[in-house]
Amino acid sequence: MRTIMVALCASALLSGCFGGGGGGRGDKVPGDPCTETQECIPGSICFNEFCIGEGNLRVSLSFFDDTDLDLHLITPNGSEIYFANSMADGATLDVDQCVSSCGAGGHVENIVFEVAPPTGNYETFVINYDGRAAATFDIEIAGDGIDTNFQGSVGAVSGQESEHLFFDI
């Protein structure tokens, strides 16, 4: 398994390292379709045509294939956040799409920290849960002044795991 290292912030205590509080002024909640951030509730943004939580740090998955991709994030404390453990260490999986057939088009999953995330090493990856189709995807890691993207793919195999992306906060 190949890994990719990304340094995001030297310390969570650095001024301006984490932000949030921005987002829309609308009434659409995370998971609702959108065309622009202003349609989403405060603290949320429009990402791949869906509202998602913005928070202090977010890890967002976007894909266009009809398969159930699952975003996973392992925190410095060793907690794994994904569909079966949707809250840990101040983070929440607030959008989980394509659990059943969802057709072609944009889809997202999102993990958001509403508070400053723990400092240390993070690991994120994607699993093709049902293997309905092969898929390519993008993972975006973003906070105030942080914006990193990772592209990957998984085959049409149930349980196939993507490459892992490591980053430090």
N, C-alpha and C. Protein backbone atom coordinates (compact mmCIF):
# COMPACT_ATOMS: atom_id res chain seq x y z
N MET A 1 0.84 -1.17 0.00
CA MET A 1 0.00 0.00 0.00
C MET A 1 0.89 1.23 0.00
N ARG A 2 0.67 2.14 -0.95
CA ARG A 2 1.42 3.38 -1.03
C ARG A 2 0.76 4.40 -0.12
N THR A 3 1.55 5.23 0.53
CA THR A 3 1.00 6.27 1.39
C THR A 3 1.47 7.63 0.88
N ILE A 4 0.70 8.64 1.19
CA ILE A 4 1.03 10.01 0.81
C ILE A 4 1.01 10.84 2.08
N MET A 5 2.07 11.56 2.32
CA MET A 5 2.16 12.39 3.53
C MET A 5 1.88 13.85 3.18
N VAL A 6 1.10 14.51 4.01
CA VAL A 6 0.78 15.91 3.83
C VAL A 6 0.86 16.59 5.18
N ALA A 7 1.65 17.65 5.31
CA ALA A 7 1.69 18.42 6.55
C ALA A 7 0.72 19.58 6.41
N LEU A 8 -0.23 19.67 7.32
CA LEU A 8 -1.24 20.72 7.23
C LEU A 8 -0.98 21.87 8.18
N CYS A 9 -0.80 21.60 9.43
CA CYS A 9 -0.54 22.65 10.41
C CYS A 9 0.45 22.13 11.42
N ALA A 10 1.34 22.97 11.85
CA ALA A 10 2.32 22.55 12.85
C ALA A 10 1.66 22.35 14.20
N SER A 11 0.64 23.14 14.50
CA SER A 11 -0.02 23.04 15.79
C SER A 11 -1.43 23.58 15.69
N ALA A 12 -2.35 22.95 16.38
CA ALA A 12 -3.73 23.44 16.42
C ALA A 12 -3.82 24.78 17.14
N LEU A 13 -2.79 25.16 17.83
CA LEU A 13 -2.81 26.42 18.56
C LEU A 13 -2.40 27.60 17.71
N LEU A 14 -1.92 27.36 16.48
CA LEU A 14 -1.50 28.46 15.62
C LEU A 14 -2.70 29.30 15.24
N SER A 15 -2.57 30.61 15.37
CA SER A 15 -3.65 31.51 15.00
C SER A 15 -3.93 31.38 13.51
N GLY A 16 -5.19 31.24 13.16
CA GLY A 16 -5.58 31.15 11.76
C GLY A 16 -5.45 29.77 11.17
N CYS A 17 -4.99 28.80 11.92
CA CYS A 17 -4.84 27.45 11.37
C CYS A 17 -6.20 26.82 11.15
N PHE A 18 -7.15 27.06 12.05
CA PHE A 18 -8.48 26.52 11.89
C PHE A 18 -9.48 27.65 11.87
N GLY A 19 -10.54 27.42 11.15
CA GLY A 19 -11.53 28.48 11.01
C GLY A 19 -12.92 27.95 11.18
N GLY A 20 -13.67 27.96 10.09
CA GLY A 20 -15.07 27.58 10.18
C GLY A 20 -15.89 28.81 10.45
N GLY A 21 -17.13 28.63 10.80
CA GLY A 21 -18.01 29.73 11.11
C GLY A 21 -18.53 30.44 9.87
N GLY A 22 -18.00 30.10 8.72
CA GLY A 22 -18.46 30.71 7.47
C GLY A 22 -19.67 29.97 6.97
N GLY A 23 -19.69 29.82 5.68
CA GLY A 23 -20.75 29.03 5.09
C GLY A 23 -21.92 29.85 4.64
N GLY A 24 -23.03 29.16 4.45
CA GLY A 24 -24.20 29.77 3.85
C GLY A 24 -25.08 30.53 4.81
N ARG A 25 -26.17 31.00 4.23
CA ARG A 25 -27.18 31.73 4.99
C ARG A 25 -28.57 31.16 4.73
N GLY A 26 -28.58 30.01 4.05
CA GLY A 26 -29.85 29.41 3.64
C GLY A 26 -30.41 28.46 4.67
N ASP A 27 -31.26 27.57 4.18
CA ASP A 27 -31.95 26.64 5.09
C ASP A 27 -31.69 25.17 4.74
N LYS A 28 -30.81 24.90 3.80
CA LYS A 28 -30.52 23.51 3.44
C LYS A 28 -29.48 22.94 4.39
N VAL A 29 -29.76 21.74 4.89
CA VAL A 29 -28.89 21.08 5.87
C VAL A 29 -27.92 20.15 5.15
N PRO A 30 -26.84 19.73 5.85
CA PRO A 30 -25.90 18.80 5.22
C PRO A 30 -26.61 17.58 4.65
N GLY A 31 -26.27 17.28 3.39
CA GLY A 31 -26.88 16.19 2.64
C GLY A 31 -27.89 16.66 1.62
N ASP A 32 -28.44 17.89 1.80
CA ASP A 32 -29.39 18.44 0.82
C ASP A 32 -28.65 18.90 -0.42
N PRO A 33 -29.27 18.78 -1.60
CA PRO A 33 -28.64 19.30 -2.83
C PRO A 33 -28.56 20.82 -2.81
N CYS A 34 -27.54 21.36 -3.49
CA CYS A 34 -27.34 22.80 -3.56
C CYS A 34 -26.64 23.15 -4.86
N THR A 35 -26.71 24.42 -5.22
CA THR A 35 -25.95 24.92 -6.36
C THR A 35 -24.93 25.96 -5.93
N GLU A 36 -25.11 26.51 -4.72
CA GLU A 36 -24.15 27.47 -4.18
C GLU A 36 -24.21 27.45 -2.65
N THR A 37 -23.12 27.86 -2.02
CA THR A 37 -22.99 27.82 -0.56
C THR A 37 -24.08 28.62 0.13
N GLN A 38 -24.53 29.72 -0.46
CA GLN A 38 -25.54 30.56 0.20
C GLN A 38 -26.84 29.84 0.47
N GLU A 39 -27.09 28.73 -0.20
CA GLU A 39 -28.31 27.95 0.03
C GLU A 39 -28.22 27.12 1.31
N CYS A 40 -27.00 26.85 1.78
CA CYS A 40 -26.77 25.96 2.92
C CYS A 40 -26.90 26.73 4.23
N ILE A 41 -27.18 26.01 5.31
CA ILE A 41 -27.29 26.66 6.62
C ILE A 41 -25.93 27.21 7.05
N PRO A 42 -25.91 28.17 7.98
CA PRO A 42 -24.63 28.67 8.49
C PRO A 42 -23.77 27.52 9.01
N GLY A 43 -22.47 27.60 8.73
CA GLY A 43 -21.55 26.55 9.13
C GLY A 43 -21.43 25.44 8.11
N SER A 44 -22.15 25.57 7.00
CA SER A 44 -22.11 24.57 5.93
C SER A 44 -21.73 25.24 4.61
N ILE A 45 -21.21 24.42 3.70
CA ILE A 45 -20.86 24.91 2.36
C ILE A 45 -21.44 23.96 1.33
N CYS A 46 -21.49 24.41 0.07
CA CYS A 46 -21.92 23.59 -1.04
C CYS A 46 -20.68 22.93 -1.64
N PHE A 47 -20.64 21.60 -1.63
CA PHE A 47 -19.50 20.82 -2.12
C PHE A 47 -20.03 19.73 -3.04
N ASN A 48 -19.60 19.73 -4.29
CA ASN A 48 -20.05 18.73 -5.27
C ASN A 48 -21.58 18.68 -5.34
N GLU A 49 -22.20 19.86 -5.23
CA GLU A 49 -23.64 20.06 -5.34
C GLU A 49 -24.46 19.51 -4.16
N PHE A 50 -23.81 19.39 -2.99
CA PHE A 50 -24.51 19.02 -1.76
C PHE A 50 -23.98 19.87 -0.61
N CYS A 51 -24.86 20.23 0.31
CA CYS A 51 -24.44 20.94 1.51
C CYS A 51 -23.71 19.96 2.42
N ILE A 52 -22.58 20.44 2.99
CA ILE A 52 -21.81 19.65 3.96
C ILE A 52 -21.35 20.58 5.06
N GLY A 53 -21.09 20.04 6.25
CA GLY A 53 -20.56 20.84 7.34
C GLY A 53 -19.15 21.31 7.03
N GLU A 54 -18.85 22.56 7.40
CA GLU A 54 -17.53 23.14 7.14
C GLU A 54 -16.62 23.01 8.36
N GLY A 55 -17.09 23.44 9.52
CA GLY A 55 -16.36 23.29 10.77
C GLY A 55 -14.95 23.84 10.78
N ASN A 56 -14.17 23.39 11.77
CA ASN A 56 -12.78 23.79 11.91
C ASN A 56 -11.88 23.00 10.97
N LEU A 57 -12.28 21.79 10.65
CA LEU A 57 -11.56 20.94 9.71
C LEU A 57 -12.59 20.01 9.10
N ARG A 58 -12.45 19.75 7.80
CA ARG A 58 -13.34 18.78 7.17
C ARG A 58 -12.53 17.90 6.23
N VAL A 59 -12.97 16.66 6.11
CA VAL A 59 -12.43 15.70 5.16
C VAL A 59 -13.62 15.28 4.31
N SER A 60 -13.59 15.63 3.02
CA SER A 60 -14.74 15.46 2.15
C SER A 60 -14.40 14.56 0.97
N LEU A 61 -15.28 13.62 0.68
CA LEU A 61 -15.15 12.69 -0.43
C LEU A 61 -16.17 13.06 -1.50
N SER A 62 -15.74 13.12 -2.76
CA SER A 62 -16.67 13.30 -3.87
C SER A 62 -16.41 12.23 -4.92
N PHE A 63 -17.50 11.73 -5.52
CA PHE A 63 -17.40 10.72 -6.57
C PHE A 63 -18.66 10.77 -7.42
N PHE A 64 -18.60 10.12 -8.59
CA PHE A 64 -19.70 10.19 -9.56
C PHE A 64 -20.22 8.82 -9.97
N ASP A 65 -19.76 7.76 -9.37
CA ASP A 65 -20.13 6.42 -9.78
C ASP A 65 -21.23 5.85 -8.90
N ASP A 66 -22.01 4.91 -9.45
CA ASP A 66 -23.11 4.29 -8.72
C ASP A 66 -22.57 3.11 -7.90
N THR A 67 -21.94 3.44 -6.79
CA THR A 67 -21.44 2.43 -5.86
C THR A 67 -21.37 3.06 -4.48
N ASP A 68 -21.31 2.26 -3.46
CA ASP A 68 -21.30 2.76 -2.09
C ASP A 68 -19.86 2.92 -1.60
N LEU A 69 -19.28 4.09 -1.87
CA LEU A 69 -17.96 4.39 -1.34
C LEU A 69 -18.11 4.90 0.08
N ASP A 70 -17.23 4.46 0.96
CA ASP A 70 -17.25 4.90 2.36
C ASP A 70 -15.94 5.59 2.70
N LEU A 71 -16.06 6.80 3.22
CA LEU A 71 -14.93 7.59 3.69
C LEU A 71 -14.57 7.14 5.11
N HIS A 72 -13.28 6.93 5.35
CA HIS A 72 -12.79 6.55 6.68
C HIS A 72 -11.73 7.56 7.11
N LEU A 73 -11.73 7.92 8.38
CA LEU A 73 -10.72 8.81 8.95
C LEU A 73 -10.30 8.23 10.30
N ILE A 74 -8.99 8.05 10.46
CA ILE A 74 -8.46 7.60 11.75
C ILE A 74 -7.76 8.80 12.38
N THR A 75 -8.18 9.16 13.60
CA THR A 75 -7.65 10.33 14.29
C THR A 75 -6.35 9.97 15.03
N PRO A 76 -5.63 10.99 15.51
CA PRO A 76 -4.42 10.72 16.30
C PRO A 76 -4.68 9.88 17.55
N ASN A 77 -5.93 9.90 18.05
CA ASN A 77 -6.29 9.12 19.23
C ASN A 77 -6.62 7.67 18.89
N GLY A 78 -6.56 7.33 17.60
CA GLY A 78 -6.84 5.96 17.17
C GLY A 78 -8.30 5.67 16.87
N SER A 79 -9.16 6.67 16.96
CA SER A 79 -10.58 6.48 16.65
C SER A 79 -10.77 6.47 15.14
N GLU A 80 -11.58 5.53 14.65
CA GLU A 80 -11.90 5.47 13.23
C GLU A 80 -13.32 5.97 13.03
N ILE A 81 -13.46 7.01 12.21
CA ILE A 81 -14.76 7.60 11.93
C ILE A 81 -15.18 7.13 10.54
N TYR A 82 -16.36 6.52 10.47
CA TYR A 82 -16.94 6.03 9.22
C TYR A 82 -18.40 5.71 9.51
N PHE A 83 -19.10 5.07 8.57
CA PHE A 83 -20.54 4.88 8.73
C PHE A 83 -20.94 4.14 10.00
N ALA A 84 -20.14 3.20 10.48
CA ALA A 84 -20.50 2.43 11.67
C ALA A 84 -20.06 3.09 12.97
N ASN A 85 -19.27 4.13 12.88
CA ASN A 85 -18.81 4.91 14.04
C ASN A 85 -18.75 6.36 13.59
N SER A 86 -19.91 6.99 13.54
CA SER A 86 -20.03 8.30 12.89
C SER A 86 -19.61 9.49 13.74
N MET A 87 -19.25 9.28 15.01
CA MET A 87 -18.82 10.38 15.86
C MET A 87 -17.69 9.93 16.77
N ALA A 88 -16.60 10.73 16.77
CA ALA A 88 -15.48 10.46 17.68
C ALA A 88 -14.54 11.65 17.69
N ASP A 89 -13.94 11.93 18.81
CA ASP A 89 -12.88 12.94 18.95
C ASP A 89 -13.27 14.32 18.42
N GLY A 90 -14.55 14.67 18.55
CA GLY A 90 -15.03 15.98 18.10
C GLY A 90 -15.42 16.03 16.63
N ALA A 91 -15.38 14.90 15.93
CA ALA A 91 -15.74 14.84 14.52
C ALA A 91 -17.03 14.08 14.32
N THR A 92 -17.73 14.41 13.23
CA THR A 92 -18.98 13.75 12.88
C THR A 92 -19.02 13.48 11.38
N LEU A 93 -19.41 12.28 11.01
CA LEU A 93 -19.73 11.98 9.62
C LEU A 93 -21.13 12.55 9.41
N ASP A 94 -21.21 13.72 8.76
CA ASP A 94 -22.51 14.39 8.65
C ASP A 94 -23.22 14.11 7.33
N VAL A 95 -22.52 13.57 6.34
CA VAL A 95 -23.15 13.18 5.08
C VAL A 95 -22.58 11.83 4.65
N ASP A 96 -23.48 10.87 4.39
CA ASP A 96 -23.11 9.52 3.94
C ASP A 96 -24.09 9.14 2.84
N GLN A 97 -23.64 9.20 1.58
CA GLN A 97 -24.53 8.95 0.45
C GLN A 97 -24.23 7.62 -0.23
N CYS A 98 -25.16 7.20 -1.06
CA CYS A 98 -25.06 6.01 -1.91
C CYS A 98 -25.04 4.72 -1.12
N VAL A 99 -25.77 4.66 -0.04
CA VAL A 99 -25.85 3.43 0.74
C VAL A 99 -26.53 2.34 -0.10
N SER A 100 -27.53 2.72 -0.87
CA SER A 100 -28.13 1.81 -1.84
C SER A 100 -27.94 2.43 -3.22
N SER A 101 -28.44 1.81 -4.25
CA SER A 101 -28.26 2.32 -5.61
C SER A 101 -28.62 3.79 -5.67
N CYS A 102 -27.71 4.60 -6.20
CA CYS A 102 -27.95 6.04 -6.23
C CYS A 102 -27.81 6.63 -7.62
N GLY A 103 -27.44 5.83 -8.61
CA GLY A 103 -27.33 6.31 -9.97
C GLY A 103 -26.09 7.15 -10.21
N ALA A 104 -25.91 7.51 -11.45
CA ALA A 104 -24.77 8.36 -11.82
C ALA A 104 -25.06 9.78 -11.36
N GLY A 105 -24.01 10.57 -11.24
CA GLY A 105 -24.13 11.94 -10.77
C GLY A 105 -23.23 12.15 -9.58
N GLY A 106 -23.21 13.35 -9.06
CA GLY A 106 -22.34 13.67 -7.94
C GLY A 106 -22.83 13.08 -6.63
N HIS A 107 -21.88 12.61 -5.83
CA HIS A 107 -22.17 12.06 -4.50
C HIS A 107 -21.08 12.52 -3.55
N VAL A 108 -21.41 12.60 -2.26
CA VAL A 108 -20.43 13.05 -1.26
C VAL A 108 -20.55 12.27 0.03
N GLU A 109 -19.45 12.29 0.76
CA GLU A 109 -19.42 11.92 2.17
C GLU A 109 -18.56 12.99 2.83
N ASN A 110 -18.83 13.28 4.10
CA ASN A 110 -18.12 14.37 4.75
C ASN A 110 -17.94 14.09 6.24
N ILE A 111 -16.72 14.31 6.72
CA ILE A 111 -16.42 14.25 8.15
C ILE A 111 -15.99 15.64 8.55
N VAL A 112 -16.62 16.18 9.58
CA VAL A 112 -16.37 17.56 9.98
C VAL A 112 -16.06 17.64 11.48
N PHE A 113 -15.08 18.46 11.83
CA PHE A 113 -14.76 18.77 13.22
C PHE A 113 -15.36 20.13 13.53
N GLU A 114 -16.32 20.18 14.43
CA GLU A 114 -16.92 21.47 14.84
C GLU A 114 -16.06 22.17 15.88
N VAL A 115 -15.14 21.45 16.47
CA VAL A 115 -14.19 22.00 17.45
C VAL A 115 -12.79 21.77 16.89
N ALA A 116 -11.79 22.36 17.52
CA ALA A 116 -10.41 22.13 17.07
C ALA A 116 -10.09 20.65 17.15
N PRO A 117 -9.62 20.07 16.07
CA PRO A 117 -9.32 18.64 16.08
C PRO A 117 -8.08 18.33 16.90
N PRO A 118 -7.95 17.09 17.38
CA PRO A 118 -6.74 16.72 18.12
C PRO A 118 -5.50 16.88 17.23
N THR A 119 -4.39 17.24 17.83
CA THR A 119 -3.15 17.35 17.07
C THR A 119 -2.52 15.97 16.91
N GLY A 120 -1.81 15.81 15.82
CA GLY A 120 -1.13 14.55 15.56
C GLY A 120 -1.36 14.07 14.15
N ASN A 121 -1.13 12.77 13.94
CA ASN A 121 -1.18 12.16 12.62
C ASN A 121 -2.57 11.59 12.32
N TYR A 122 -3.10 11.92 11.16
CA TYR A 122 -4.39 11.44 10.68
C TYR A 122 -4.18 10.52 9.48
N GLU A 123 -5.11 9.63 9.28
CA GLU A 123 -5.09 8.70 8.14
C GLU A 123 -6.49 8.67 7.54
N THR A 124 -6.59 8.83 6.23
CA THR A 124 -7.89 8.75 5.57
C THR A 124 -7.78 7.85 4.34
N PHE A 125 -8.90 7.19 4.04
CA PHE A 125 -8.95 6.29 2.90
C PHE A 125 -10.41 6.02 2.56
N VAL A 126 -10.62 5.31 1.45
CA VAL A 126 -11.96 5.01 0.96
C VAL A 126 -12.08 3.50 0.78
N ILE A 127 -13.26 2.96 1.10
CA ILE A 127 -13.56 1.56 0.85
C ILE A 127 -14.78 1.48 -0.06
N ASN A 128 -14.69 0.64 -1.10
CA ASN A 128 -15.82 0.36 -1.97
C ASN A 128 -16.66 -0.71 -1.26
N TYR A 129 -17.62 -0.28 -0.49
CA TYR A 129 -18.36 -1.17 0.40
C TYR A 129 -19.04 -2.32 -0.34
N ASP A 130 -19.82 -2.01 -1.37
CA ASP A 130 -20.58 -3.07 -2.04
C ASP A 130 -19.97 -3.55 -3.34
N GLY A 131 -19.02 -2.81 -3.90
CA GLY A 131 -18.37 -3.23 -5.13
C GLY A 131 -19.26 -3.22 -6.36
N ARG A 132 -20.37 -2.47 -6.32
CA ARG A 132 -21.28 -2.40 -7.47
C ARG A 132 -20.57 -1.95 -8.74
N ALA A 133 -19.60 -1.04 -8.59
CA ALA A 133 -18.88 -0.49 -9.74
C ALA A 133 -17.51 -0.03 -9.29
N ALA A 134 -16.58 0.01 -10.22
CA ALA A 134 -15.30 0.66 -9.96
C ALA A 134 -15.56 2.16 -9.86
N ALA A 135 -14.70 2.86 -9.17
CA ALA A 135 -14.94 4.29 -8.99
C ALA A 135 -13.65 5.06 -8.84
N THR A 136 -13.66 6.27 -9.34
CA THR A 136 -12.61 7.24 -9.05
C THR A 136 -13.20 8.24 -8.09
N PHE A 137 -12.36 8.88 -7.29
CA PHE A 137 -12.86 9.79 -6.28
C PHE A 137 -11.84 10.88 -6.00
N ASP A 138 -12.30 11.91 -5.31
CA ASP A 138 -11.44 12.98 -4.79
C ASP A 138 -11.71 13.10 -3.31
N ILE A 139 -10.64 13.30 -2.54
CA ILE A 139 -10.76 13.64 -1.13
C ILE A 139 -10.20 15.04 -0.97
N GLU A 140 -10.96 15.91 -0.33
CA GLU A 140 -10.50 17.27 -0.04
C GLU A 140 -10.39 17.42 1.47
N ILE A 141 -9.24 17.90 1.93
CA ILE A 141 -9.03 18.18 3.35
C ILE A 141 -8.92 19.68 3.46
N ALA A 142 -9.80 20.31 4.24
CA ALA A 142 -9.84 21.76 4.26
C ALA A 142 -10.18 22.30 5.65
N GLY A 143 -9.57 23.42 5.96
CA GLY A 143 -9.84 24.21 7.14
C GLY A 143 -9.43 25.63 6.80
N ASP A 144 -9.38 26.51 7.74
CA ASP A 144 -8.99 27.89 7.49
C ASP A 144 -7.53 27.92 7.02
N GLY A 145 -7.33 28.22 5.75
CA GLY A 145 -5.99 28.27 5.20
C GLY A 145 -5.42 26.93 4.80
N ILE A 146 -6.20 25.85 4.94
CA ILE A 146 -5.75 24.50 4.57
C ILE A 146 -6.61 24.03 3.41
N ASP A 147 -5.95 23.54 2.36
CA ASP A 147 -6.70 23.01 1.22
C ASP A 147 -5.82 22.01 0.49
N THR A 148 -6.08 20.72 0.71
CA THR A 148 -5.30 19.65 0.10
C THR A 148 -6.25 18.68 -0.58
N ASN A 149 -5.89 18.23 -1.76
CA ASN A 149 -6.71 17.29 -2.51
C ASN A 149 -5.94 16.01 -2.79
N PHE A 150 -6.66 14.92 -2.85
CA PHE A 150 -6.10 13.61 -3.14
C PHE A 150 -7.06 12.90 -4.09
N GLN A 151 -6.55 12.36 -5.18
CA GLN A 151 -7.37 11.61 -6.12
C GLN A 151 -7.01 10.14 -6.01
N GLY A 152 -8.01 9.29 -6.12
CA GLY A 152 -7.76 7.86 -6.04
C GLY A 152 -8.83 7.08 -6.77
N SER A 153 -8.73 5.76 -6.65
CA SER A 153 -9.71 4.89 -7.29
C SER A 153 -9.77 3.56 -6.54
N VAL A 154 -10.89 2.88 -6.74
CA VAL A 154 -11.07 1.53 -6.22
C VAL A 154 -11.75 0.71 -7.31
N GLY A 155 -11.47 -0.59 -7.33
CA GLY A 155 -12.08 -1.47 -8.31
C GLY A 155 -13.48 -1.89 -7.91
N ALA A 156 -14.14 -2.61 -8.80
CA ALA A 156 -15.50 -3.10 -8.56
C ALA A 156 -15.44 -4.38 -7.73
N VAL A 157 -14.88 -4.25 -6.54
CA VAL A 157 -14.70 -5.37 -5.62
C VAL A 157 -15.21 -4.95 -4.26
N SER A 158 -16.13 -5.72 -3.72
CA SER A 158 -16.67 -5.41 -2.40
C SER A 158 -15.55 -5.39 -1.36
N GLY A 159 -15.47 -4.30 -0.62
CA GLY A 159 -14.48 -4.16 0.45
C GLY A 159 -13.12 -3.68 0.00
N GLN A 160 -12.96 -3.39 -1.30
CA GLN A 160 -11.65 -2.93 -1.76
C GLN A 160 -11.32 -1.57 -1.15
N GLU A 161 -10.09 -1.46 -0.65
CA GLU A 161 -9.61 -0.28 0.05
C GLU A 161 -8.67 0.52 -0.86
N SER A 162 -8.79 1.83 -0.82
CA SER A 162 -7.92 2.71 -1.61
C SER A 162 -6.57 2.88 -0.93
N GLU A 163 -5.70 3.59 -1.60
CA GLU A 163 -4.45 4.02 -0.97
C GLU A 163 -4.81 4.89 0.23
N HIS A 164 -3.90 4.98 1.18
CA HIS A 164 -4.12 5.78 2.38
C HIS A 164 -3.38 7.11 2.27
N LEU A 165 -4.03 8.15 2.76
CA LEU A 165 -3.45 9.49 2.81
C LEU A 165 -3.21 9.81 4.27
N PHE A 166 -1.99 10.20 4.60
CA PHE A 166 -1.63 10.59 5.96
C PHE A 166 -1.39 12.08 5.99
N PHE A 167 -1.85 12.73 7.05
CA PHE A 167 -1.59 14.16 7.23
C PHE A 167 -1.48 14.47 8.70
N ASP A 168 -0.76 15.54 9.00
CA ASP A 168 -0.52 15.96 10.38
C ASP A 168 -1.19 17.30 10.67
N ILE A 169 -1.72 17.42 11.86
CA ILE A 169 -2.28 18.67 12.36
C ILE A 169 -1.43 19.08 13.53
